[in-house]
């Protein structure tokens, strides 16, 4: 049986490359002692075969085999499309 692949939801921050996008994933947690809200973010490069994603779109990316040196994710779906 095939393992479940990791899936993340984030916002597109760059689409200047051909068939590639940069997706920023934001995480909100509370400090374990002080309770202060801590916002952190990570950026992932994802493969966008059809070049449909634009800056500001909310997308779901899934883990995949390496496409290039930095790309290990592929666009699974566009959840919210932003019109220019």
PDB file of N, CA and C in Angstrom:
ATOM      1  N   UNK A   1       0.839  -1.180   0.000  1.00  0.00           N
ATOM      2  CA  UNK A   1       0.000   0.000   0.000  1.00  0.00           C
ATOM      3  C   UNK A   1       0.885   1.245   0.000  1.00  0.00           C
ATOM      4  N   UNK A   2       0.492   2.229  -0.794  1.00  0.00           N
ATOM      5  CA  UNK A   2       1.292   3.436  -0.922  1.00  0.00           C
ATOM      6  C   UNK A   2       1.073   4.346   0.284  1.00  0.00           C
ATOM      7  N   UNK A   3       2.148   4.988   0.731  1.00  0.00           N
ATOM      8  CA  UNK A   3       2.051   5.896   1.868  1.00  0.00           C
ATOM      9  C   UNK A   3       1.249   7.136   1.504  1.00  0.00           C
ATOM     10  N   UNK A   4       0.640   7.746   2.528  1.00  0.00           N
ATOM     11  CA  UNK A   4      -0.095   8.990   2.328  1.00  0.00           C
ATOM     12  C   UNK A   4       0.903  10.128   2.118  1.00  0.00           C
ATOM     13  N   UNK A   5       0.698  10.933   1.090  1.00  0.00           N
ATOM     14  CA  UNK A   5       1.603  12.044   0.809  1.00  0.00           C
ATOM     15  C   UNK A   5       1.215  13.267   1.619  1.00  0.00           C
ATOM     16  N   UNK A   6       2.210  14.063   2.000  1.00  0.00           N
ATOM     17  CA  UNK A   6       1.941  15.283   2.764  1.00  0.00           C
ATOM     18  C   UNK A   6       1.245  16.303   1.865  1.00  0.00           C
ATOM     19  N   UNK A   7       0.297  17.022   2.445  1.00  0.00           N
ATOM     20  CA  UNK A   7      -0.453  18.040   1.721  1.00  0.00           C
ATOM     21  C   UNK A   7      -0.435  19.313   2.555  1.00  0.00           C
ATOM     22  N   UNK A   8      -0.149  20.460   1.899  1.00  0.00           N
ATOM     23  CA  UNK A   8      -0.111  21.758   2.572  1.00  0.00           C
ATOM     24  C   UNK A   8      -0.967  22.757   1.809  1.00  0.00           C
ATOM     25  N   UNK A   9      -1.480  23.754   2.521  1.00  0.00           N
ATOM     26  CA  UNK A   9      -2.270  24.812   1.899  1.00  0.00           C
ATOM     27  C   UNK A   9      -1.578  26.136   2.174  1.00  0.00           C
ATOM     28  N   UNK A  10      -1.384  26.936   1.127  1.00  0.00           N
ATOM     29  CA  UNK A  10      -0.702  28.211   1.298  1.00  0.00           C
ATOM     30  C   UNK A  10      -1.037  29.176   0.181  1.00  0.00           C
ATOM     31  N   UNK A  11      -0.400  30.343   0.235  1.00  0.00           N
ATOM     32  CA  UNK A  11      -0.650  31.421  -0.722  1.00  0.00           C
ATOM     33  C   UNK A  11       0.554  31.574  -1.651  1.00  0.00           C
ATOM     34  N   UNK A  12       0.288  31.784  -2.934  1.00  0.00           N
ATOM     35  CA  UNK A  12       1.341  31.950  -3.936  1.00  0.00           C
ATOM     36  C   UNK A  12       1.970  33.329  -3.759  1.00  0.00           C
ATOM     37  N   UNK A  13       3.305  33.363  -3.635  1.00  0.00           N
ATOM     38  CA  UNK A  13       4.006  34.635  -3.485  1.00  0.00           C
ATOM     39  C   UNK A  13       4.796  35.014  -4.736  1.00  0.00           C
ATOM     40  N   UNK A  14       5.089  34.048  -5.605  1.00  0.00           N
ATOM     41  CA  UNK A  14       5.834  34.352  -6.823  1.00  0.00           C
ATOM     42  C   UNK A  14       5.453  33.360  -7.915  1.00  0.00           C
ATOM     43  N   UNK A  15       5.264  33.889  -9.141  1.00  0.00           N
ATOM     44  CA  UNK A  15       4.978  33.028 -10.294  1.00  0.00           C
ATOM     45  C   UNK A  15       5.809  33.447 -11.509  1.00  0.00           C
ATOM     46  N   UNK A  16       6.977  34.015 -11.269  1.00  0.00           N
ATOM     47  CA  UNK A  16       7.790  34.568 -12.345  1.00  0.00           C
ATOM     48  C   UNK A  16       8.520  33.495 -13.159  1.00  0.00           C
ATOM     49  N   UNK A  17       8.631  32.294 -12.604  1.00  0.00           N
ATOM     50  CA  UNK A  17       9.344  31.231 -13.295  1.00  0.00           C
ATOM     51  C   UNK A  17       8.392  30.448 -14.195  1.00  0.00           C
ATOM     52  N   UNK A  18       8.953  29.736 -15.150  1.00  0.00           N
ATOM     53  CA  UNK A  18       8.149  28.913 -16.042  1.00  0.00           C
ATOM     54  C   UNK A  18       7.839  27.589 -15.363  1.00  0.00           C
ATOM     55  N   UNK A  19       6.546  27.275 -15.214  1.00  0.00           N
ATOM     56  CA  UNK A  19       6.065  26.030 -14.615  1.00  0.00           C
ATOM     57  C   UNK A  19       6.477  25.864 -13.154  1.00  0.00           C
ATOM     58  N   UNK A  20       6.752  26.966 -12.462  1.00  0.00           N
ATOM     59  CA  UNK A  20       7.134  26.912 -11.052  1.00  0.00           C
ATOM     60  C   UNK A  20       6.492  28.068 -10.305  1.00  0.00           C
ATOM     61  N   UNK A  21       6.158  27.822  -9.044  1.00  0.00           N
ATOM     62  CA  UNK A  21       5.635  28.877  -8.182  1.00  0.00           C
ATOM     63  C   UNK A  21       6.278  28.749  -6.810  1.00  0.00           C
ATOM     64  N   UNK A  22       6.218  29.833  -6.034  1.00  0.00           N
ATOM     65  CA  UNK A  22       6.662  29.818  -4.652  1.00  0.00           C
ATOM     66  C   UNK A  22       5.425  29.969  -3.787  1.00  0.00           C
ATOM     67  N   UNK A  23       5.257  29.033  -2.846  1.00  0.00           N
ATOM     68  CA  UNK A  23       4.084  29.027  -1.973  1.00  0.00           C
ATOM     69  C   UNK A  23       4.548  29.254  -0.547  1.00  0.00           C
ATOM     70  N   UNK A  24       3.884  30.204   0.148  1.00  0.00           N
ATOM     71  CA  UNK A  24       4.213  30.492   1.538  1.00  0.00           C
ATOM     72  C   UNK A  24       3.155  29.860   2.433  1.00  0.00           C
ATOM     73  N   UNK A  25       3.620  29.046   3.379  1.00  0.00           N
ATOM     74  CA  UNK A  25       2.753  28.369   4.334  1.00  0.00           C
ATOM     75  C   UNK A  25       2.897  29.085   5.665  1.00  0.00           C
ATOM     76  N   UNK A  26       1.782  29.588   6.215  1.00  0.00           N
ATOM     77  CA  UNK A  26       1.832  30.266   7.505  1.00  0.00           C
ATOM     78  C   UNK A  26       1.314  29.342   8.592  1.00  0.00           C
ATOM     79  N   UNK A  27       1.978  29.394   9.745  1.00  0.00           N
ATOM     80  CA  UNK A  27       1.605  28.564  10.878  1.00  0.00           C
ATOM     81  C   UNK A  27       1.456  29.460  12.101  1.00  0.00           C
ATOM     82  N   UNK A  28       0.351  29.310  12.817  1.00  0.00           N
ATOM     83  CA  UNK A  28       0.080  30.091  14.015  1.00  0.00           C
ATOM     84  C   UNK A  28       0.065  29.149  15.209  1.00  0.00           C
ATOM     85  N   UNK A  29       0.955  29.400  16.183  1.00  0.00           N
ATOM     86  CA  UNK A  29       1.019  28.577  17.385  1.00  0.00           C
ATOM     87  C   UNK A  29       1.082  29.491  18.599  1.00  0.00           C
ATOM     88  N   UNK A  30       0.858  28.916  19.762  1.00  0.00           N
ATOM     89  CA  UNK A  30       0.984  29.664  21.012  1.00  0.00           C
ATOM     90  C   UNK A  30       2.258  29.224  21.725  1.00  0.00           C
ATOM     91  N   UNK A  31       2.903  30.167  22.383  1.00  0.00           N
ATOM     92  CA  UNK A  31       4.091  29.855  23.160  1.00  0.00           C
ATOM     93  C   UNK A  31       3.668  28.945  24.312  1.00  0.00           C
ATOM     94  N   UNK A  32       4.427  27.861  24.578  1.00  0.00           N
ATOM     95  CA  UNK A  32       4.001  26.899  25.586  1.00  0.00           C
ATOM     96  C   UNK A  32       3.926  27.451  27.007  1.00  0.00           C
ATOM     97  N   UNK A  33       4.723  28.456  27.332  1.00  0.00           N
ATOM     98  CA  UNK A  33       4.726  28.996  28.695  1.00  0.00           C
ATOM     99  C   UNK A  33       3.950  30.313  28.774  1.00  0.00           C
ATOM    100  N   UNK A  34       4.262  31.257  27.864  1.00  0.00           N
ATOM    101  CA  UNK A  34       3.721  32.603  27.967  1.00  0.00           C
ATOM    102  C   UNK A  34       2.387  32.784  27.251  1.00  0.00           C
ATOM    103  N   UNK A  35       2.037  31.896  26.357  1.00  0.00           N
ATOM    104  CA  UNK A  35       0.754  31.985  25.674  1.00  0.00           C
ATOM    105  C   UNK A  35       0.699  32.986  24.545  1.00  0.00           C
ATOM    106  N   UNK A  36       1.802  33.645  24.238  1.00  0.00           N
ATOM    107  CA  UNK A  36       1.828  34.632  23.158  1.00  0.00           C
ATOM    108  C   UNK A  36       1.675  33.923  21.802  1.00  0.00           C
ATOM    109  N   UNK A  37       0.916  34.545  20.911  1.00  0.00           N
ATOM    110  CA  UNK A  37       0.707  33.981  19.587  1.00  0.00           C
ATOM    111  C   UNK A  37       1.964  34.197  18.745  1.00  0.00           C
ATOM    112  N   UNK A  38       2.468  33.126  18.164  1.00  0.00           N
ATOM    113  CA  UNK A  38       3.680  33.185  17.349  1.00  0.00           C
ATOM    114  C   UNK A  38       3.307  32.804  15.922  1.00  0.00           C
ATOM    115  N   UNK A  39       3.598  33.697  14.984  1.00  0.00           N
ATOM    116  CA  UNK A  39       3.344  33.419  13.570  1.00  0.00           C
ATOM    117  C   UNK A  39       4.668  33.100  12.890  1.00  0.00           C
ATOM    118  N   UNK A  40       4.711  31.964  12.227  1.00  0.00           N
ATOM    119  CA  UNK A  40       5.906  31.594  11.478  1.00  0.00           C
ATOM    120  C   UNK A  40       5.486  31.229  10.061  1.00  0.00           C
ATOM    121  N   UNK A  41       6.433  31.291   9.139  1.00  0.00           N
ATOM    122  CA  UNK A  41       6.123  30.939   7.761  1.00  0.00           C
ATOM    123  C   UNK A  41       7.293  30.197   7.134  1.00  0.00           C
ATOM    124  N   UNK A  42       6.947  29.373   6.148  1.00  0.00           N
ATOM    125  CA  UNK A  42       7.948  28.651   5.360  1.00  0.00           C
ATOM    126  C   UNK A  42       7.583  28.797   3.892  1.00  0.00           C
ATOM    127  N   UNK A  43       8.591  28.755   3.032  1.00  0.00           N
ATOM    128  CA  UNK A  43       8.349  28.879   1.600  1.00  0.00           C
ATOM    129  C   UNK A  43       8.756  27.592   0.903  1.00  0.00           C
ATOM    130  N   UNK A  44       7.923  27.167  -0.029  1.00  0.00           N
ATOM    131  CA  UNK A  44       8.174  25.966  -0.805  1.00  0.00           C
ATOM    132  C   UNK A  44       8.047  26.296  -2.274  1.00  0.00           C
ATOM    133  N   UNK A  45       8.891  25.680  -3.099  1.00  0.00           N
ATOM    134  CA  UNK A  45       8.746  25.786  -4.545  1.00  0.00           C
ATOM    135  C   UNK A  45       7.926  24.599  -5.006  1.00  0.00           C
ATOM    136  N   UNK A  46       6.961  24.877  -5.884  1.00  0.00           N
ATOM    137  CA  UNK A  46       6.076  23.818  -6.359  1.00  0.00           C
ATOM    138  C   UNK A  46       6.005  23.846  -7.880  1.00  0.00           C
ATOM    139  N   UNK A  47       5.744  22.683  -8.456  1.00  0.00           N
ATOM    140  CA  UNK A  47       5.642  22.545  -9.908  1.00  0.00           C
ATOM    141  C   UNK A  47       4.211  22.839 -10.341  1.00  0.00           C
ATOM    142  N   UNK A  48       4.056  23.779 -11.280  1.00  0.00           N
ATOM    143  CA  UNK A  48       2.752  24.161 -11.823  1.00  0.00           C
ATOM    144  C   UNK A  48       2.801  23.922 -13.326  1.00  0.00           C
ATOM    145  N   UNK A  49       2.374  22.745 -13.751  1.00  0.00           N
ATOM    146  CA  UNK A  49       2.531  22.318 -15.141  1.00  0.00           C
ATOM    147  C   UNK A  49       1.834  23.248 -16.134  1.00  0.00           C
ATOM    148  N   UNK A  50       0.658  23.759 -15.791  1.00  0.00           N
ATOM    149  CA  UNK A  50      -0.117  24.541 -16.747  1.00  0.00           C
ATOM    150  C   UNK A  50       0.023  26.058 -16.579  1.00  0.00           C
ATOM    151  N   UNK A  51       0.861  26.517 -15.658  1.00  0.00           N
ATOM    152  CA  UNK A  51       1.076  27.949 -15.399  1.00  0.00           C
ATOM    153  C   UNK A  51      -0.234  28.689 -15.108  1.00  0.00           C
ATOM    154  N   UNK A  52      -1.143  28.072 -14.363  1.00  0.00           N
ATOM    155  CA  UNK A  52      -2.433  28.684 -14.050  1.00  0.00           C
ATOM    156  C   UNK A  52      -2.382  29.556 -12.805  1.00  0.00           C
ATOM    157  N   UNK A  53      -1.474  29.297 -11.886  1.00  0.00           N
ATOM    158  CA  UNK A  53      -1.434  30.010 -10.613  1.00  0.00           C
ATOM    159  C   UNK A  53      -0.875  31.421 -10.802  1.00  0.00           C
ATOM    160  N   UNK A  54      -1.472  32.364 -10.073  1.00  0.00           N
ATOM    161  CA  UNK A  54      -0.982  33.731 -10.065  1.00  0.00           C
ATOM    162  C   UNK A  54      -0.724  34.145  -8.623  1.00  0.00           C
ATOM    163  N   UNK A  55      -0.043  35.277  -8.452  1.00  0.00           N
ATOM    164  CA  UNK A  55       0.279  35.764  -7.108  1.00  0.00           C
ATOM    165  C   UNK A  55      -1.006  36.064  -6.353  1.00  0.00           C
ATOM    166  N   UNK A  56      -1.100  35.542  -5.125  1.00  0.00           N
ATOM    167  CA  UNK A  56      -2.266  35.759  -4.291  1.00  0.00           C
ATOM    168  C   UNK A  56      -3.220  34.588  -4.242  1.00  0.00           C
ATOM    169  N   UNK A  57      -3.091  33.641  -5.156  1.00  0.00           N
ATOM    170  CA  UNK A  57      -3.962  32.466  -5.146  1.00  0.00           C
ATOM    171  C   UNK A  57      -3.692  31.606  -3.917  1.00  0.00           C
ATOM    172  N   UNK A  58      -4.738  30.972  -3.414  1.00  0.00           N
ATOM    173  CA  UNK A  58      -4.592  29.989  -2.346  1.00  0.00           C
ATOM    174  C   UNK A  58      -4.590  28.622  -3.008  1.00  0.00           C
ATOM    175  N   UNK A  59      -3.511  27.860  -2.803  1.00  0.00           N
ATOM    176  CA  UNK A  59      -3.351  26.572  -3.475  1.00  0.00           C
ATOM    177  C   UNK A  59      -3.074  25.463  -2.470  1.00  0.00           C
ATOM    178  N   UNK A  60      -3.376  24.240  -2.891  1.00  0.00           N
ATOM    179  CA  UNK A  60      -3.024  23.050  -2.115  1.00  0.00           C
ATOM    180  C   UNK A  60      -1.893  22.354  -2.857  1.00  0.00           C
ATOM    181  N   UNK A  61      -0.776  22.118  -2.160  1.00  0.00           N
ATOM    182  CA  UNK A  61       0.367  21.450  -2.778  1.00  0.00           C
ATOM    183  C   UNK A  61       0.567  20.105  -2.116  1.00  0.00           C
ATOM    184  N   UNK A  62       1.037  19.147  -2.901  1.00  0.00           N
ATOM    185  CA  UNK A  62       1.259  17.791  -2.412  1.00  0.00           C
ATOM    186  C   UNK A  62       2.712  17.401  -2.633  1.00  0.00           C
ATOM    187  N   UNK A  63       3.216  16.583  -1.755  1.00  0.00           N
ATOM    188  CA  UNK A  63       4.581  16.098  -1.841  1.00  0.00           C
ATOM    189  C   UNK A  63       4.723  15.219  -3.078  1.00  0.00           C
ATOM    190  N   UNK A  64       5.853  15.334  -3.783  1.00  0.00           N
ATOM    191  CA  UNK A  64       6.086  14.555  -4.993  1.00  0.00           C
ATOM    192  C   UNK A  64       7.574  14.238  -5.113  1.00  0.00           C
ATOM    193  N   UNK A  65       7.901  13.476  -6.126  1.00  0.00           N
ATOM    194  CA  UNK A  65       9.318  13.180  -6.337  1.00  0.00           C
ATOM    195  C   UNK A  65      10.024  14.454  -6.793  1.00  0.00           C
ATOM    196  N   UNK A  66      11.332  14.560  -6.568  1.00  0.00           N
ATOM    197  CA  UNK A  66      12.044  15.793  -6.944  1.00  0.00           C
ATOM    198  C   UNK A  66      11.942  16.089  -8.445  1.00  0.00           C
ATOM    199  N   UNK A  67      11.511  17.306  -8.762  1.00  0.00           N
ATOM    200  CA  UNK A  67      11.427  17.755 -10.146  1.00  0.00           C
ATOM    201  C   UNK A  67      12.699  18.489 -10.546  1.00  0.00           C
ATOM    202  N   UNK A  68      13.291  19.200  -9.582  1.00  0.00           N
ATOM    203  CA  UNK A  68      14.550  19.897  -9.802  1.00  0.00           C
ATOM    204  C   UNK A  68      15.267  19.974  -8.462  1.00  0.00           C
ATOM    205  N   UNK A  69      16.307  20.793  -8.391  1.00  0.00           N
ATOM    206  CA  UNK A  69      17.106  20.862  -7.172  1.00  0.00           C
ATOM    207  C   UNK A  69      16.303  21.340  -5.970  1.00  0.00           C
ATOM    208  N   UNK A  70      15.379  22.273  -6.178  1.00  0.00           N
ATOM    209  CA  UNK A  70      14.618  22.853  -5.063  1.00  0.00           C
ATOM    210  C   UNK A  70      13.140  22.477  -5.059  1.00  0.00           C
ATOM    211  N   UNK A  71      12.639  21.867  -6.126  1.00  0.00           N
ATOM    212  CA  UNK A  71      11.207  21.555  -6.218  1.00  0.00           C
ATOM    213  C   UNK A  71      10.933  20.112  -5.814  1.00  0.00           C
ATOM    214  N   UNK A  72      10.170  19.954  -4.709  1.00  0.00           N
ATOM    215  CA  UNK A  72       9.755  18.636  -4.252  1.00  0.00           C
ATOM    216  C   UNK A  72       8.252  18.588  -4.030  1.00  0.00           C
ATOM    217  N   UNK A  73       7.535  19.588  -4.528  1.00  0.00           N
ATOM    218  CA  UNK A  73       6.089  19.694  -4.344  1.00  0.00           C
ATOM    219  C   UNK A  73       5.439  19.956  -5.691  1.00  0.00           C
ATOM    220  N   UNK A  74       4.162  19.578  -5.808  1.00  0.00           N
ATOM    221  CA  UNK A  74       3.407  19.791  -7.035  1.00  0.00           C
ATOM    222  C   UNK A  74       2.053  20.395  -6.655  1.00  0.00           C
ATOM    223  N   UNK A  75       1.533  21.284  -7.520  1.00  0.00           N
ATOM    224  CA  UNK A  75       0.238  21.912  -7.252  1.00  0.00           C
ATOM    225  C   UNK A  75      -0.857  20.864  -7.404  1.00  0.00           C
ATOM    226  N   UNK A  76      -1.630  20.682  -6.338  1.00  0.00           N
ATOM    227  CA  UNK A  76      -2.715  19.705  -6.339  1.00  0.00           C
ATOM    228  C   UNK A  76      -4.012  20.351  -6.796  1.00  0.00           C
ATOM    229  N   UNK A  77      -4.313  21.550  -6.267  1.00  0.00           N
ATOM    230  CA  UNK A  77      -5.548  22.237  -6.648  1.00  0.00           C
ATOM    231  C   UNK A  77      -5.426  23.724  -6.320  1.00  0.00           C
ATOM    232  N   UNK A  78      -6.159  24.535  -7.080  1.00  0.00           N
ATOM    233  CA  UNK A  78      -6.270  25.965  -6.761  1.00  0.00           C
ATOM    234  C   UNK A  78      -7.562  26.136  -5.991  1.00  0.00           C
ATOM    235  N   UNK A  79      -7.459  26.498  -4.711  1.00  0.00           N
ATOM    236  CA  UNK A  79      -8.627  26.594  -3.851  1.00  0.00           C
ATOM    237  C   UNK A  79      -9.333  27.946  -3.988  1.00  0.00           C
ATOM    238  N   UNK A  80      -8.560  29.006  -4.177  1.00  0.00           N
ATOM    239  CA  UNK A  80      -9.123  30.356  -4.293  1.00  0.00           C
ATOM    240  C   UNK A  80      -8.319  31.108  -5.343  1.00  0.00           C
ATOM    241  N   UNK A  81      -8.988  31.530  -6.406  1.00  0.00           N
ATOM    242  CA  UNK A  81      -8.307  32.205  -7.500  1.00  0.00           C
ATOM    243  C   UNK A  81      -8.526  33.711  -7.394  1.00  0.00           C
ATOM    244  N   UNK A  82      -7.458  34.499  -7.458  1.00  0.00           N
ATOM    245  CA  UNK A  82      -7.538  35.946  -7.354  1.00  0.00           C
ATOM    246  C   UNK A  82      -7.528  36.534  -8.767  1.00  0.00           C
ATOM    247  N   UNK A  83      -8.511  37.359  -9.055  1.00  0.00           N
ATOM    248  CA  UNK A  83      -8.569  38.018 -10.370  1.00  0.00           C
ATOM    249  C   UNK A  83      -7.769  39.318 -10.325  1.00  0.00           C
ATOM    250  N   UNK A  84      -7.063  39.627 -11.393  1.00  0.00           N
ATOM    251  CA  UNK A  84      -6.213  40.830 -11.438  1.00  0.00           C
ATOM    252  C   UNK A  84      -7.013  42.083 -11.621  1.00  0.00           C
TER     253      UNK A  84
END
